[in-house]
Amino acid sequence: MKDIFAIHQAEYETLPVNVASAPAVVKLLGEHTASSEGLVLAAAISFEMRVAVSLRKDSSIRFFAADLGERKRASVGSLKYKREDRWANHVKSIYDYMGRMYDFQGKGLNVTISGSIPPGLGLGISAAVNSASALALSGLFGLNLRNEEISELACKAQSVFFEKPVPIFDYLAMTSPGIRSLSIIDTRTAKRRGVQFLDSSWNLVLTDSRVPRTSTEVELKQRVEDSTKCLHYLAPRGGRTLRDIKMSELDDLMGVLPEAVRRRCMHIVEETGRVFESEEALARQDAMAFGRIINKSHASLRNHYEISCPEVDWLVKRSQELEGVLCSRMTGPGFGGCIASIMKTEALDEFKKRLEEYERIFGFKAQLYETAINGGMRLVSS
């Protein structure tokens, strides 16, 4: 990865006072249950975004996205969302929110952003930029906030600035304290608890299908609306989410609701249960049981929630056939994108051959990413 210290100095003629890093996050289970107060099993991995900051003598903020070669600027007195500012809006949201909360508005800032997180795969780039920005500013202004406080603050700042609710699970997963530690995020209580990943013989591998993906917003909004339809029948007086619903109650809706709607609700109910089951399997280090849970989750995303696609399903199925591959599942918003696989090192070569076959069949050259499950956000020294 690029030397952000040298880049910042070359851009602003001063070394950064603080550099903070926040990791990419892979959701292994539950990412589509947040609107129903579900549970998410997530891993903070070795890809990261870094944010470097230093103070200015004037009241402007200068932004430099080193990987894009793009520069933006803003005035600390008028930090508003501007479409043309794109990525800089995320840092503005953090400065604006923290400045109001901790009264350091009016102080100019130099900001450099650089990272290694592959874009477009649902790995939480925005959350990583926001979290790293908040951690860097916390150090710059001597706030000494805990990582858990920073994650909550960063999520809230983006929600306020962009005027729409932002799920907190990526932010909380970035507070994971240790190597090979997974996070179970309870979106009802906005709390995280840790669970140890499998032993070091198992590796996490990501595969980008390279399937062009149009906007998923409309389709995902429809899935949330389908959940609301189920609750209209099962909890007409409110007070419950799909997390509280039992499968027997959904069985009673057979013939009452369109079957596609009922199946989508089935995915959310069963997925919440799968997170609990995965926690138990990991607690006893039962790799085979854990793998079965992950594989069942993909089958549900394909058959019930209906957000997969033929190319992704092919990658998942062919990888699951290989000796040394424990499990594979789509991750991210769906309709293309990425699969996460857990496999032994010796299975990699055969898996790469399957990717060559995939390219011959579908015409897309899949991108393989070997990664590691690391700790969460941190300050970086030069």
Protein backbone atom coordinates (compact mmCIF):
# COMPACT_ATOMS: atom_id res chain seq x y z
CA MET A 1 0.00 0.00 0.00
CA LYS A 2 1.15 3.57 -0.67
CA ASP A 3 3.07 5.48 2.00
CA ILE A 4 0.39 7.89 3.18
CA PHE A 5 2.90 9.82 5.34
CA ALA A 6 5.03 10.67 2.31
CA ILE A 7 1.99 11.40 0.16
CA HIS A 8 0.55 13.80 2.76
CA GLN A 9 3.87 15.60 3.13
CA ALA A 10 4.27 15.95 -0.63
CA GLU A 11 0.72 17.28 -0.99
CA TYR A 12 0.68 19.75 1.92
CA GLU A 13 4.38 20.31 2.72
CA THR A 14 3.85 19.04 6.24
CA LEU A 15 3.79 15.62 7.85
CA PRO A 16 0.44 14.37 9.17
CA VAL A 17 -0.14 14.74 12.88
CA ASN A 18 -2.28 11.60 12.96
CA VAL A 19 -2.86 8.67 10.62
CA ALA A 20 -5.69 6.26 11.40
CA SER A 21 -6.65 2.97 9.77
CA ALA A 22 -9.99 1.16 9.63
CA PRO A 23 -10.46 -2.29 8.09
CA ALA A 24 -12.72 -3.72 5.43
CA VAL A 25 -15.59 -5.82 6.77
CA VAL A 26 -16.93 -9.07 5.33
CA LYS A 27 -20.41 -10.06 6.36
CA LEU A 28 -20.55 -13.85 6.68
CA LEU A 29 -24.16 -14.01 7.88
CA GLY A 30 -27.09 -11.70 8.49
CA GLU A 31 -26.31 -8.52 6.54
CA HIS A 32 -29.86 -8.33 5.13
CA THR A 33 -31.54 -8.70 8.53
CA ALA A 34 -30.64 -5.25 9.91
CA SER A 35 -34.03 -3.72 9.10
CA SER A 36 -35.62 -6.47 11.21
CA GLU A 37 -33.28 -5.96 14.19
CA GLY A 38 -31.43 -9.13 13.32
CA LEU A 39 -27.90 -10.36 14.00
CA VAL A 40 -24.84 -10.06 11.77
CA LEU A 41 -21.71 -12.22 11.80
CA ALA A 42 -18.85 -10.12 10.43
CA ALA A 43 -15.08 -10.23 10.02
CA ALA A 44 -12.68 -7.27 10.02
CA ILE A 45 -10.09 -8.18 7.39
CA SER A 46 -6.64 -7.07 6.28
CA PHE A 47 -7.73 -4.61 3.59
CA GLU A 48 -7.97 -1.10 5.03
CA MET A 49 -8.55 2.59 4.47
CA ARG A 50 -6.15 5.13 5.97
CA VAL A 51 -6.84 8.79 6.73
CA ALA A 52 -4.05 11.27 7.48
CA VAL A 53 -4.75 14.68 9.01
CA SER A 54 -2.89 17.86 9.91
CA LEU A 55 -4.03 21.33 10.91
CA ARG A 56 -4.07 24.38 8.62
CA LYS A 57 -3.61 28.03 9.49
CA ASP A 58 -6.76 29.06 7.61
CA SER A 59 -10.39 27.87 7.88
CA SER A 60 -10.51 25.61 4.84
CA ILE A 61 -10.42 21.86 4.52
CA ARG A 62 -8.36 20.33 1.73
CA PHE A 63 -9.01 16.73 0.75
CA PHE A 64 -6.76 14.51 -1.34
CA ALA A 65 -7.83 11.01 -2.43
CA ALA A 66 -4.39 9.64 -3.31
CA ASP A 67 -5.64 6.48 -5.04
CA LEU A 68 -7.94 8.47 -7.31
CA GLY A 69 -5.64 11.45 -7.79
CA GLU A 70 -8.57 13.72 -6.90
CA ARG A 71 -8.69 16.85 -4.78
CA LYS A 72 -11.62 18.61 -3.12
CA ARG A 73 -11.92 21.60 -0.83
CA ALA A 74 -14.49 23.04 1.56
CA SER A 75 -14.86 25.78 4.15
CA VAL A 76 -15.30 24.76 7.78
CA GLY A 77 -18.12 27.31 8.05
CA SER A 78 -20.34 25.71 5.41
CA LEU A 79 -19.97 21.95 5.47
CA LYS A 80 -22.90 20.69 3.44
CA TYR A 81 -23.53 17.68 1.27
CA LYS A 82 -22.58 18.28 -2.35
CA ARG A 83 -23.00 15.56 -4.94
CA GLU A 84 -19.88 16.67 -6.79
CA ASP A 85 -17.79 16.20 -3.65
CA ARG A 86 -18.52 12.46 -3.68
CA TRP A 87 -16.03 10.74 -1.35
CA ALA A 88 -15.15 14.00 0.45
CA ASN A 89 -18.70 14.15 1.81
CA HIS A 90 -17.85 11.29 4.15
CA VAL A 91 -15.00 13.15 5.81
CA LYS A 92 -17.08 16.33 5.91
CA SER A 93 -19.81 14.43 7.78
CA ILE A 94 -17.34 13.41 10.49
CA TYR A 95 -15.70 16.83 10.87
CA ASP A 96 -19.08 18.58 11.00
CA TYR A 97 -20.58 16.22 13.58
CA MET A 98 -17.51 16.02 15.81
CA GLY A 99 -16.85 19.72 15.49
CA ARG A 100 -20.32 20.51 16.80
CA MET A 101 -20.09 17.92 19.57
CA TYR A 102 -16.59 18.79 20.79
CA ASP A 103 -16.40 22.43 19.78
CA PHE A 104 -13.43 22.49 17.44
CA GLN A 105 -15.25 24.08 14.52
CA GLY A 106 -13.36 26.74 12.62
CA LYS A 107 -10.02 24.95 12.52
CA GLY A 108 -8.77 24.19 9.04
CA LEU A 109 -7.64 20.74 8.08
CA ASN A 110 -5.52 18.86 5.55
CA VAL A 111 -6.83 15.37 4.80
CA THR A 112 -5.30 12.55 2.77
CA ILE A 113 -7.14 9.29 2.06
CA SER A 114 -5.60 6.10 0.72
CA GLY A 115 -6.44 2.43 1.03
CA SER A 116 -6.51 -1.10 -0.27
CA ILE A 117 -10.20 -2.06 0.02
CA PRO A 118 -11.52 -3.30 -3.35
CA PRO A 119 -14.48 -1.13 -4.36
CA GLY A 120 -17.98 -2.30 -5.22
CA LEU A 121 -17.94 -5.51 -3.17
CA GLY A 122 -19.87 -4.40 -0.09
CA LEU A 123 -16.79 -4.39 2.14
CA GLY A 124 -17.65 -1.15 3.94
CA ILE A 125 -15.37 1.40 2.29
CA SER A 126 -17.53 4.35 3.40
CA ALA A 127 -17.68 3.10 6.97
CA ALA A 128 -13.90 2.56 6.96
CA VAL A 129 -13.23 6.10 5.72
CA ASN A 130 -15.64 7.52 8.31
CA SER A 131 -14.22 5.46 11.18
CA ALA A 132 -10.61 6.24 10.27
CA SER A 133 -11.50 9.94 9.97
CA ALA A 134 -13.16 9.96 13.39
CA LEU A 135 -10.23 8.16 15.01
CA ALA A 136 -7.72 10.53 13.38
CA LEU A 137 -9.66 13.61 14.52
CA SER A 138 -10.09 12.18 18.01
CA GLY A 139 -6.30 11.98 18.32
CA LEU A 140 -5.70 15.32 16.62
CA PHE A 141 -7.92 17.18 19.08
CA GLY A 142 -7.04 15.12 22.16
CA LEU A 143 -10.47 13.58 22.66
CA ASN A 144 -9.21 10.11 23.69
CA LEU A 145 -12.39 8.35 22.61
CA ARG A 146 -12.69 4.59 22.83
CA ASN A 147 -13.11 2.72 19.52
CA GLU A 148 -16.66 1.76 20.47
CA GLU A 149 -17.51 5.43 20.99
CA ILE A 150 -15.88 6.33 17.69
CA SER A 151 -17.85 3.69 15.77
CA GLU A 152 -21.16 4.93 17.17
CA LEU A 153 -20.20 8.55 16.50
CA ALA A 154 -19.08 7.88 12.93
CA CYS A 155 -22.27 5.99 12.07
CA LYS A 156 -24.43 8.73 13.56
CA ALA A 157 -22.48 11.45 11.72
CA GLN A 158 -23.08 9.82 8.35
CA SER A 159 -26.77 9.25 9.10
CA VAL A 160 -27.24 12.91 10.01
CA PHE A 161 -25.18 14.36 7.16
CA PHE A 162 -26.69 12.18 4.44
CA GLU A 163 -30.17 12.36 6.02
CA LYS A 164 -30.82 8.63 5.93
CA PRO A 165 -30.30 5.84 8.46
CA VAL A 166 -27.02 3.96 8.13
CA PRO A 167 -26.64 0.40 9.51
CA ILE A 168 -24.17 0.21 12.36
CA PHE A 169 -22.85 -3.32 11.87
CA ASP A 170 -19.84 -2.37 9.70
CA TYR A 171 -18.82 0.28 12.23
CA LEU A 172 -19.06 -2.04 15.22
CA ALA A 173 -17.20 -4.83 13.41
CA MET A 174 -14.31 -2.40 12.94
CA THR A 175 -13.79 -2.32 16.72
CA SER A 176 -12.81 -6.01 16.81
CA PRO A 177 -9.77 -6.13 19.10
CA GLY A 178 -7.92 -9.25 18.05
CA ILE A 179 -6.55 -11.43 15.27
CA ARG A 180 -8.96 -14.14 14.01
CA SER A 181 -11.81 -12.72 16.09
CA LEU A 182 -15.22 -12.42 14.47
CA SER A 183 -17.95 -10.02 15.56
CA ILE A 184 -21.57 -10.80 16.26
CA ILE A 185 -23.48 -7.55 15.95
CA ASP A 186 -26.92 -7.28 17.54
CA THR A 187 -28.62 -4.56 15.49
CA ARG A 188 -31.43 -4.30 18.05
CA THR A 189 -29.12 -3.25 20.87
CA ALA A 190 -26.26 -1.92 18.68
CA LYS A 191 -23.82 -4.05 20.66
CA ARG A 192 -20.94 -6.25 19.57
CA ARG A 193 -19.63 -9.45 21.06
CA GLY A 194 -16.65 -11.46 19.87
CA VAL A 195 -16.31 -15.08 18.90
CA GLN A 196 -13.09 -16.83 17.83
CA PHE A 197 -12.76 -17.87 14.18
CA LEU A 198 -11.59 -21.35 13.21
CA ASP A 199 -7.98 -22.48 13.64
CA SER A 200 -5.20 -21.09 11.47
CA SER A 201 -5.42 -23.89 8.88
CA TRP A 202 -8.55 -22.19 7.49
CA ASN A 203 -8.25 -19.10 5.30
CA LEU A 204 -10.80 -16.52 4.18
CA VAL A 205 -10.77 -15.93 0.42
CA LEU A 206 -12.87 -13.41 -1.51
CA THR A 207 -13.80 -13.76 -5.17
CA ASP A 208 -15.18 -10.86 -7.18
CA SER A 209 -17.47 -12.29 -9.86
CA ARG A 210 -17.00 -9.13 -11.94
CA VAL A 211 -20.67 -9.30 -12.90
CA PRO A 212 -21.79 -5.74 -13.81
CA ARG A 213 -24.25 -4.66 -11.17
CA THR A 214 -26.86 -1.97 -11.64
CA SER A 215 -28.31 -0.17 -8.63
CA THR A 216 -29.66 -2.61 -6.05
CA GLU A 217 -31.53 0.05 -4.07
CA VAL A 218 -34.97 -0.60 -5.59
CA GLU A 219 -34.72 -4.38 -5.25
CA LEU A 220 -33.47 -4.25 -1.66
CA LYS A 221 -36.18 -1.74 -0.75
CA GLN A 222 -38.73 -4.23 -2.07
CA ARG A 223 -37.33 -6.91 0.25
CA VAL A 224 -37.82 -4.60 3.24
CA GLU A 225 -41.38 -3.84 2.14
CA ASP A 226 -42.07 -7.56 1.91
CA SER A 227 -40.99 -7.93 5.53
CA THR A 228 -43.44 -5.19 6.49
CA LYS A 229 -46.26 -7.09 4.76
CA CYS A 230 -45.55 -10.16 6.89
CA LEU A 231 -45.58 -8.14 10.09
CA HIS A 232 -48.88 -6.55 9.08
CA TYR A 233 -50.44 -9.99 9.40
CA LEU A 234 -48.38 -11.40 12.27
CA ALA A 235 -48.10 -8.31 14.47
CA PRO A 236 -50.84 -5.87 13.44
CA ARG A 237 -50.45 -3.92 16.67
CA GLY A 238 -46.72 -3.50 16.22
CA GLY A 239 -44.09 -4.19 18.84
CA ARG A 240 -42.43 -7.04 16.95
CA THR A 241 -39.96 -7.47 14.12
CA LEU A 242 -39.22 -10.55 12.05
CA ARG A 243 -36.53 -11.38 14.60
CA ASP A 244 -39.36 -12.19 17.01
CA ILE A 245 -41.34 -14.34 14.56
CA LYS A 246 -41.28 -18.14 14.62
CA MET A 247 -41.24 -20.31 11.52
CA SER A 248 -44.56 -21.83 12.53
CA GLU A 249 -46.15 -18.39 12.26
CA LEU A 250 -44.82 -18.00 8.72
CA ASP A 251 -46.19 -21.43 7.87
CA ASP A 252 -49.64 -20.14 8.80
CA LEU A 253 -49.30 -17.43 6.14
CA MET A 254 -49.03 -19.99 3.33
CA GLY A 255 -51.76 -19.07 0.85
CA VAL A 256 -52.41 -15.76 2.63
CA LEU A 257 -49.40 -13.86 1.29
CA PRO A 258 -47.75 -14.25 -2.11
CA GLU A 259 -45.25 -17.09 -1.77
CA ALA A 260 -42.30 -14.91 -2.85
CA VAL A 261 -43.06 -12.49 -0.01
CA ARG A 262 -43.32 -15.31 2.53
CA ARG A 263 -40.05 -16.86 1.36
CA ARG A 264 -38.20 -13.58 1.77
CA CYS A 265 -39.43 -13.34 5.33
CA MET A 266 -38.37 -16.95 5.87
CA HIS A 267 -34.82 -15.99 4.97
CA ILE A 268 -34.68 -13.29 7.64
CA VAL A 269 -36.19 -15.49 10.35
CA GLU A 270 -33.90 -18.43 9.55
CA GLU A 271 -30.81 -16.23 9.06
CA THR A 272 -31.12 -14.80 12.55
CA GLY A 273 -31.21 -18.36 13.86
CA ARG A 274 -28.17 -19.24 11.77
CA VAL A 275 -26.10 -16.53 13.49
CA PHE A 276 -26.90 -18.05 16.89
CA GLU A 277 -26.05 -21.50 15.53
CA SER A 278 -22.77 -20.28 14.07
CA GLU A 279 -21.78 -18.77 17.42
CA GLU A 280 -22.33 -22.14 19.08
CA ALA A 281 -20.41 -23.99 16.35
CA LEU A 282 -17.46 -21.60 16.63
CA ALA A 283 -17.47 -21.80 20.42
CA ARG A 284 -16.82 -25.54 20.13
CA GLN A 285 -14.57 -25.06 17.05
CA ASP A 286 -16.81 -27.34 14.98
CA ALA A 287 -15.66 -26.39 11.48
CA MET A 288 -17.98 -28.80 9.65
CA ALA A 289 -21.07 -27.50 11.43
CA PHE A 290 -20.03 -23.91 10.81
CA GLY A 291 -19.47 -24.62 7.12
CA ARG A 292 -22.92 -26.17 6.75
CA ILE A 293 -24.49 -23.07 8.27
CA ILE A 294 -22.71 -20.75 5.81
CA ASN A 295 -23.66 -22.94 2.84
CA LYS A 296 -27.31 -23.00 3.94
CA SER A 297 -27.25 -19.23 4.14
CA HIS A 298 -26.25 -18.93 0.50
CA ALA A 299 -28.95 -21.37 -0.55
CA SER A 300 -31.45 -19.17 1.27
CA LEU A 301 -30.13 -15.99 -0.34
CA ARG A 302 -30.58 -17.70 -3.71
CA ASN A 303 -33.91 -19.46 -3.21
CA HIS A 304 -35.73 -17.39 -0.61
CA TYR A 305 -34.36 -13.85 -0.59
CA GLU A 306 -33.66 -14.00 -4.35
CA ILE A 307 -30.70 -11.65 -4.57
CA SER A 308 -28.11 -13.92 -6.16
CA CYS A 309 -27.41 -14.47 -9.86
CA PRO A 310 -26.33 -17.43 -12.05
CA GLU A 311 -22.66 -16.42 -12.13
CA VAL A 312 -22.39 -16.09 -8.34
CA ASP A 313 -24.31 -19.33 -7.83
CA TRP A 314 -21.90 -21.12 -10.18
CA LEU A 315 -18.88 -19.86 -8.24
CA VAL A 316 -20.42 -20.90 -4.94
CA LYS A 317 -21.44 -24.36 -6.15
CA ARG A 318 -18.15 -25.17 -7.87
CA SER A 319 -16.11 -24.02 -4.89
CA GLN A 320 -18.21 -26.10 -2.49
CA GLU A 321 -17.38 -29.19 -4.56
CA LEU A 322 -13.64 -28.89 -3.92
CA GLU A 323 -11.79 -30.85 -1.27
CA GLY A 324 -10.40 -28.41 1.25
CA VAL A 325 -13.15 -25.83 0.78
CA LEU A 326 -15.32 -25.63 3.88
CA CYS A 327 -18.01 -23.26 2.62
CA SER A 328 -18.85 -20.42 0.24
CA ARG A 329 -21.48 -17.76 0.32
CA MET A 330 -22.38 -14.56 -1.47
CA THR A 331 -21.56 -11.45 0.54
CA GLY A 332 -22.52 -7.81 -0.01
CA PRO A 333 -25.75 -6.35 -1.45
CA GLY A 334 -26.20 -9.09 -4.04
CA PHE A 335 -27.15 -9.27 -7.73
CA GLY A 336 -23.51 -9.91 -8.60
CA GLY A 337 -20.51 -8.91 -6.57
CA CYS A 338 -18.47 -11.10 -4.28
CA ILE A 339 -18.40 -14.52 -2.65
CA ALA A 340 -16.57 -15.35 0.58
CA SER A 341 -15.02 -18.81 0.87
CA ILE A 342 -13.30 -20.52 3.78
CA MET A 343 -10.70 -23.01 2.59
CA LYS A 344 -7.37 -24.69 3.24
CA THR A 345 -4.29 -23.25 1.55
CA GLU A 346 -3.85 -26.41 -0.53
CA ALA A 347 -7.30 -25.91 -2.12
CA LEU A 348 -6.32 -22.58 -3.69
CA ASP A 349 -4.70 -23.94 -6.85
CA GLU A 350 -7.69 -26.08 -7.76
CA PHE A 351 -10.02 -23.20 -6.99
CA LYS A 352 -8.07 -20.97 -9.36
CA LYS A 353 -8.63 -23.55 -12.11
CA ARG A 354 -12.36 -23.25 -11.49
CA LEU A 355 -12.06 -19.51 -12.00
CA GLU A 356 -10.50 -20.13 -15.42
CA GLU A 357 -13.47 -22.34 -16.27
CA TYR A 358 -15.80 -19.61 -15.01
CA GLU A 359 -14.24 -17.12 -17.42
CA ARG A 360 -14.66 -19.50 -20.35
CA ILE A 361 -18.34 -20.05 -19.53
CA PHE A 362 -19.49 -16.57 -18.52
CA GLY A 363 -16.91 -14.24 -20.06
CA PHE A 364 -16.02 -12.50 -16.79
CA LYS A 365 -12.49 -12.73 -15.37
CA ALA A 366 -13.06 -13.24 -11.65
CA GLN A 367 -10.67 -11.53 -9.23
CA LEU A 368 -9.35 -13.53 -6.28
CA TYR A 369 -8.39 -11.83 -3.00
CA GLU A 370 -6.55 -13.70 -0.27
CA THR A 371 -7.10 -11.96 3.03
CA ALA A 372 -6.72 -12.40 6.76
CA ILE A 373 -8.99 -11.72 9.72
CA ASN A 374 -7.25 -8.91 11.60
CA GLY A 375 -8.00 -6.57 14.45
CA GLY A 376 -10.00 -3.39 13.98
CA MET A 377 -9.29 0.33 13.68
CA ARG A 378 -6.05 1.76 15.00
CA LEU A 379 -3.65 4.69 14.87
CA VAL A 380 -0.71 4.16 12.52
CA SER A 381 2.86 5.19 13.19
CA SER A 382 5.31 6.17 10.47
